[in-house]
Amino acid sequence: MNYVTAGRADAILKAAVAERDRRIADLERQVVALKKQIAVAQEPMPVAAPVAAPRVDVQAPQAPRSVEVTKIKRRTGEAERKAMREKHRQQQQARQPAEAAQKSESKAMLEGRSFLYVGGRDCQVAHLRQIASSYGANLIHHDGGLREAVSRIDNVLPSVDCVFCPIDCISHDACIRVKTGCKKWEKAFVPLRNGSKSSFERALQSMSQEGTAQ
């Protein structure tokens, strides 16, 4: 299993942040330049001093200048929106290596551990083993007494780290047997809401995160 080391993740994160800051700085300089153009364009045009000849009020044409200001404002707005989008994109990219490293580190907390899964549905067992394997763990299954002797649970318990039991797919006798054995051997007992793959994976995720926090 390939893991991203903490040092590698930190280097990737720093490089992404530096590139983000550079691109955002470029966009901000563009915005400042465009705002200066707007300020210049909005300055009143000088009006010539009136002559002694018969006074005729002439209003300077404003339409072309107004159009120019509008175009500059539009470009400024587009540049600001582009800067915001770029900042958001860079932040997302910078988080990805760190999140991947954290996820790998969490999974590594279950590496080499062994779990017993009692009950559930036979059609799900292969999928459950695959999920456990993705965390580097080994999964042992007991059908809860449908075909296997319940007494086998006592033989397996000493060799596992914890026991999972889907409360909707296990007999009462098997559940009692598991709880008693877990207490005797000081093993963790993890009841699951149901026998689904997602329920089992959520339990593994919770265990891995608790291990990382510790």
Protein backbone atom coordinates (compact mmCIF):
# COMPACT_ATOMS: atom_id res chain seq x y z
CA MET A 1 0.00 0.00 0.00
CA ASN A 2 1.41 3.42 -1.02
CA TYR A 3 1.26 6.18 1.59
CA VAL A 4 2.09 9.89 1.28
CA THR A 5 4.57 10.84 4.01
CA ALA A 6 3.88 13.83 6.20
CA GLY A 7 7.02 15.59 4.91
CA ARG A 8 6.08 15.01 1.28
CA ALA A 9 2.53 16.23 1.88
CA ASP A 10 3.88 19.37 3.59
CA ALA A 11 6.21 20.12 0.66
CA ILE A 12 3.39 19.67 -1.87
CA LEU A 13 1.14 21.90 0.21
CA LYS A 14 3.76 24.68 0.46
CA ALA A 15 4.42 24.59 -3.28
CA ALA A 16 0.70 24.78 -4.07
CA VAL A 17 0.22 27.69 -1.65
CA ALA A 18 3.18 29.59 -3.17
CA GLU A 19 1.81 29.13 -6.71
CA ARG A 20 -1.65 30.22 -5.55
CA ASP A 21 -0.28 33.37 -3.92
CA ARG A 22 1.73 34.24 -7.05
CA ARG A 23 -1.27 33.91 -9.38
CA ILE A 24 -3.56 35.79 -7.01
CA ALA A 25 -0.98 38.59 -6.71
CA ASP A 26 -0.86 38.89 -10.51
CA LEU A 27 -4.64 39.11 -10.71
CA GLU A 28 -4.77 41.68 -7.92
CA ARG A 29 -2.20 43.85 -9.78
CA GLN A 30 -4.45 43.69 -12.85
CA VAL A 31 -7.41 44.81 -10.75
CA VAL A 32 -5.44 47.76 -9.32
CA ALA A 33 -4.35 48.81 -12.83
CA LEU A 34 -7.92 48.66 -14.12
CA LYS A 35 -9.19 50.69 -11.17
CA LYS A 36 -6.60 53.37 -11.96
CA GLN A 37 -7.87 53.47 -15.53
CA ILE A 38 -11.41 53.99 -14.23
CA ALA A 39 -10.24 56.84 -11.98
CA VAL A 40 -8.49 58.53 -14.89
CA ALA A 41 -11.43 58.01 -17.20
CA GLN A 42 -13.82 59.53 -14.66
CA GLU A 43 -11.79 62.74 -14.19
CA PRO A 44 -13.67 65.73 -15.59
CA MET A 45 -12.41 66.96 -18.93
CA PRO A 46 -10.93 70.50 -18.88
CA VAL A 47 -13.32 73.14 -20.24
CA ALA A 48 -11.90 76.06 -22.22
CA ALA A 49 -12.42 79.54 -20.80
CA PRO A 50 -15.39 81.33 -22.36
CA VAL A 51 -14.59 83.94 -25.02
CA ALA A 52 -16.11 87.38 -25.29
CA ALA A 53 -18.05 86.38 -28.36
CA PRO A 54 -21.72 85.66 -28.02
CA ARG A 55 -21.95 82.96 -25.42
CA VAL A 56 -22.99 79.61 -26.64
CA ASP A 57 -23.25 76.80 -24.08
CA VAL A 58 -21.72 73.73 -25.58
CA GLN A 59 -21.90 70.49 -23.66
CA ALA A 60 -18.95 68.18 -24.19
CA PRO A 61 -20.00 64.81 -25.59
CA GLN A 62 -20.13 62.30 -22.74
CA ALA A 63 -21.33 59.18 -24.49
CA PRO A 64 -17.91 57.92 -25.71
CA ARG A 65 -16.30 58.59 -22.31
CA SER A 66 -19.18 56.87 -20.49
CA VAL A 67 -18.82 53.83 -22.72
CA GLU A 68 -15.09 53.68 -21.98
CA VAL A 69 -15.69 53.84 -18.21
CA THR A 70 -18.31 51.10 -18.47
CA LYS A 71 -15.93 48.83 -20.37
CA ILE A 72 -13.15 49.38 -17.83
CA LYS A 73 -15.53 48.66 -14.95
CA ARG A 74 -16.63 45.47 -16.68
CA ARG A 75 -13.02 44.34 -17.14
CA THR A 76 -12.29 45.17 -13.50
CA GLY A 77 -15.25 43.11 -12.33
CA GLU A 78 -14.20 40.18 -14.51
CA ALA A 79 -10.65 40.37 -13.17
CA GLU A 80 -11.88 40.41 -9.57
CA ARG A 81 -14.16 37.41 -10.18
CA LYS A 82 -11.30 35.57 -11.90
CA ALA A 83 -9.04 36.28 -8.91
CA MET A 84 -11.66 34.88 -6.52
CA ARG A 85 -12.15 31.75 -8.65
CA GLU A 86 -8.40 31.22 -8.88
CA LYS A 87 -8.00 31.64 -5.13
CA HIS A 88 -10.74 29.08 -4.48
CA ARG A 89 -9.25 26.62 -7.00
CA GLN A 90 -5.78 26.91 -5.49
CA GLN A 91 -7.16 26.38 -2.00
CA GLN A 92 -8.94 23.22 -3.17
CA GLN A 93 -5.77 21.90 -4.81
CA ALA A 94 -3.69 22.71 -1.74
CA ARG A 95 -6.05 20.75 0.49
CA GLN A 96 -6.07 17.60 -1.65
CA PRO A 97 -2.52 16.34 -0.84
CA ALA A 98 -3.05 16.99 2.87
CA GLU A 99 -6.41 15.20 2.85
CA ALA A 100 -4.93 12.25 0.96
CA ALA A 101 -2.04 12.04 3.43
CA GLN A 102 -4.43 12.21 6.38
CA LYS A 103 -6.62 9.47 4.91
CA SER A 104 -3.61 7.22 4.30
CA GLU A 105 -2.36 7.87 7.81
CA SER A 106 -5.78 6.99 9.26
CA LYS A 107 -5.94 3.72 7.33
CA ALA A 108 -2.44 2.85 8.45
CA MET A 109 -3.67 2.83 12.06
CA LEU A 110 -5.50 -0.46 11.34
CA GLU A 111 -2.60 -2.07 9.47
CA GLY A 112 -2.04 -5.66 10.58
CA ARG A 113 -5.03 -5.81 12.92
CA SER A 114 -7.46 -8.73 12.95
CA PHE A 115 -11.25 -8.47 13.34
CA LEU A 116 -14.05 -10.98 13.90
CA TYR A 117 -17.38 -10.33 12.20
CA VAL A 118 -20.25 -12.40 13.63
CA GLY A 119 -23.55 -12.70 11.76
CA GLY A 120 -24.51 -10.68 8.71
CA ARG A 121 -25.34 -11.95 5.24
CA ASP A 122 -23.23 -14.52 3.40
CA CYS A 123 -23.43 -12.52 0.17
CA GLN A 124 -21.69 -9.59 1.89
CA VAL A 125 -18.76 -11.45 3.41
CA ALA A 126 -16.43 -11.11 0.40
CA HIS A 127 -17.16 -7.37 0.22
CA LEU A 128 -16.56 -6.94 3.95
CA ARG A 129 -13.21 -8.71 3.69
CA GLN A 130 -12.27 -6.43 0.79
CA ILE A 131 -13.12 -3.33 2.84
CA ALA A 132 -11.06 -4.60 5.79
CA SER A 133 -8.18 -5.40 3.44
CA SER A 134 -8.22 -1.81 2.11
CA TYR A 135 -7.36 -0.76 5.68
CA GLY A 136 -4.62 -3.39 5.88
CA ALA A 137 -6.68 -5.49 8.31
CA ASN A 138 -7.72 -9.15 8.32
CA LEU A 139 -11.38 -10.12 8.71
CA ILE A 140 -12.57 -13.44 10.13
CA HIS A 141 -16.25 -14.27 9.66
CA HIS A 142 -18.57 -16.43 11.73
CA ASP A 143 -22.16 -16.90 10.54
CA GLY A 144 -23.57 -16.67 14.07
CA GLY A 145 -24.61 -20.31 14.36
CA LEU A 146 -26.46 -20.89 11.08
CA ARG A 147 -24.00 -23.57 9.94
CA GLU A 148 -21.00 -23.07 12.21
CA ALA A 149 -20.95 -24.06 15.85
CA VAL A 150 -21.36 -21.06 18.16
CA SER A 151 -18.59 -22.50 20.32
CA ARG A 152 -16.07 -21.63 17.57
CA ILE A 153 -16.48 -17.99 18.57
CA ASP A 154 -14.70 -18.77 21.84
CA ASN A 155 -11.77 -20.27 19.91
CA VAL A 156 -11.36 -17.25 17.62
CA LEU A 157 -11.82 -14.44 20.14
CA PRO A 158 -8.34 -14.59 21.76
CA SER A 159 -6.63 -13.98 18.39
CA VAL A 160 -8.61 -10.89 17.25
CA ASP A 161 -8.50 -7.21 18.23
CA CYS A 162 -12.22 -6.57 18.25
CA VAL A 163 -15.59 -8.06 17.23
CA PHE A 164 -18.25 -6.55 14.96
CA CYS A 165 -21.88 -7.63 15.24
CA PRO A 166 -24.70 -6.33 12.99
CA ILE A 167 -27.60 -6.25 15.42
CA ASP A 168 -30.19 -6.93 12.70
CA CYS A 169 -28.44 -10.08 11.39
CA ILE A 170 -27.35 -12.11 14.41
CA SER A 171 -29.09 -14.53 16.73
CA HIS A 172 -29.65 -13.64 20.37
CA ASP A 173 -27.57 -16.60 21.56
CA ALA A 174 -24.63 -15.68 19.32
CA CYS A 175 -24.76 -12.04 20.44
CA ILE A 176 -24.71 -13.05 24.13
CA ARG A 177 -21.82 -15.40 23.41
CA VAL A 178 -19.86 -12.63 21.75
CA LYS A 179 -20.48 -10.10 24.53
CA THR A 180 -19.48 -12.60 27.20
CA GLY A 181 -16.34 -13.61 25.31
CA CYS A 182 -15.33 -9.99 24.68
CA LYS A 183 -15.65 -9.23 28.38
CA LYS A 184 -13.64 -12.33 29.29
CA TRP A 185 -10.81 -11.65 26.85
CA GLU A 186 -11.01 -7.85 27.15
CA LYS A 187 -11.79 -7.38 23.46
CA ALA A 188 -13.63 -4.41 21.97
CA PHE A 189 -17.26 -5.15 21.07
CA VAL A 190 -18.59 -3.01 18.19
CA PRO A 191 -22.34 -3.33 17.46
CA LEU A 192 -23.35 -2.27 13.96
CA ARG A 193 -26.73 -0.81 13.06
CA ASN A 194 -27.14 -3.30 10.21
CA GLY A 195 -25.23 -5.75 8.04
CA SER A 196 -24.53 -3.33 5.18
CA LYS A 197 -21.08 -2.64 3.76
CA SER A 198 -21.41 1.09 4.50
CA SER A 199 -22.16 0.43 8.17
CA PHE A 200 -19.01 -1.68 8.52
CA GLU A 201 -16.84 0.83 6.66
CA ARG A 202 -18.09 3.72 8.81
CA ALA A 203 -17.07 1.73 11.90
CA LEU A 204 -13.58 1.19 10.48
CA GLN A 205 -13.26 4.87 9.59
CA SER A 206 -14.26 5.82 13.12
CA MET A 207 -11.72 3.42 14.59
CA SER A 208 -8.92 4.69 12.34
CA GLN A 209 -9.69 8.34 13.15
CA GLU A 210 -9.76 7.64 16.87
CA GLY A 211 -6.41 5.90 16.56
CA THR A 212 -4.93 8.88 14.70
CA ALA A 213 -6.21 11.31 17.33
CA GLN A 214 -4.58 9.27 20.06
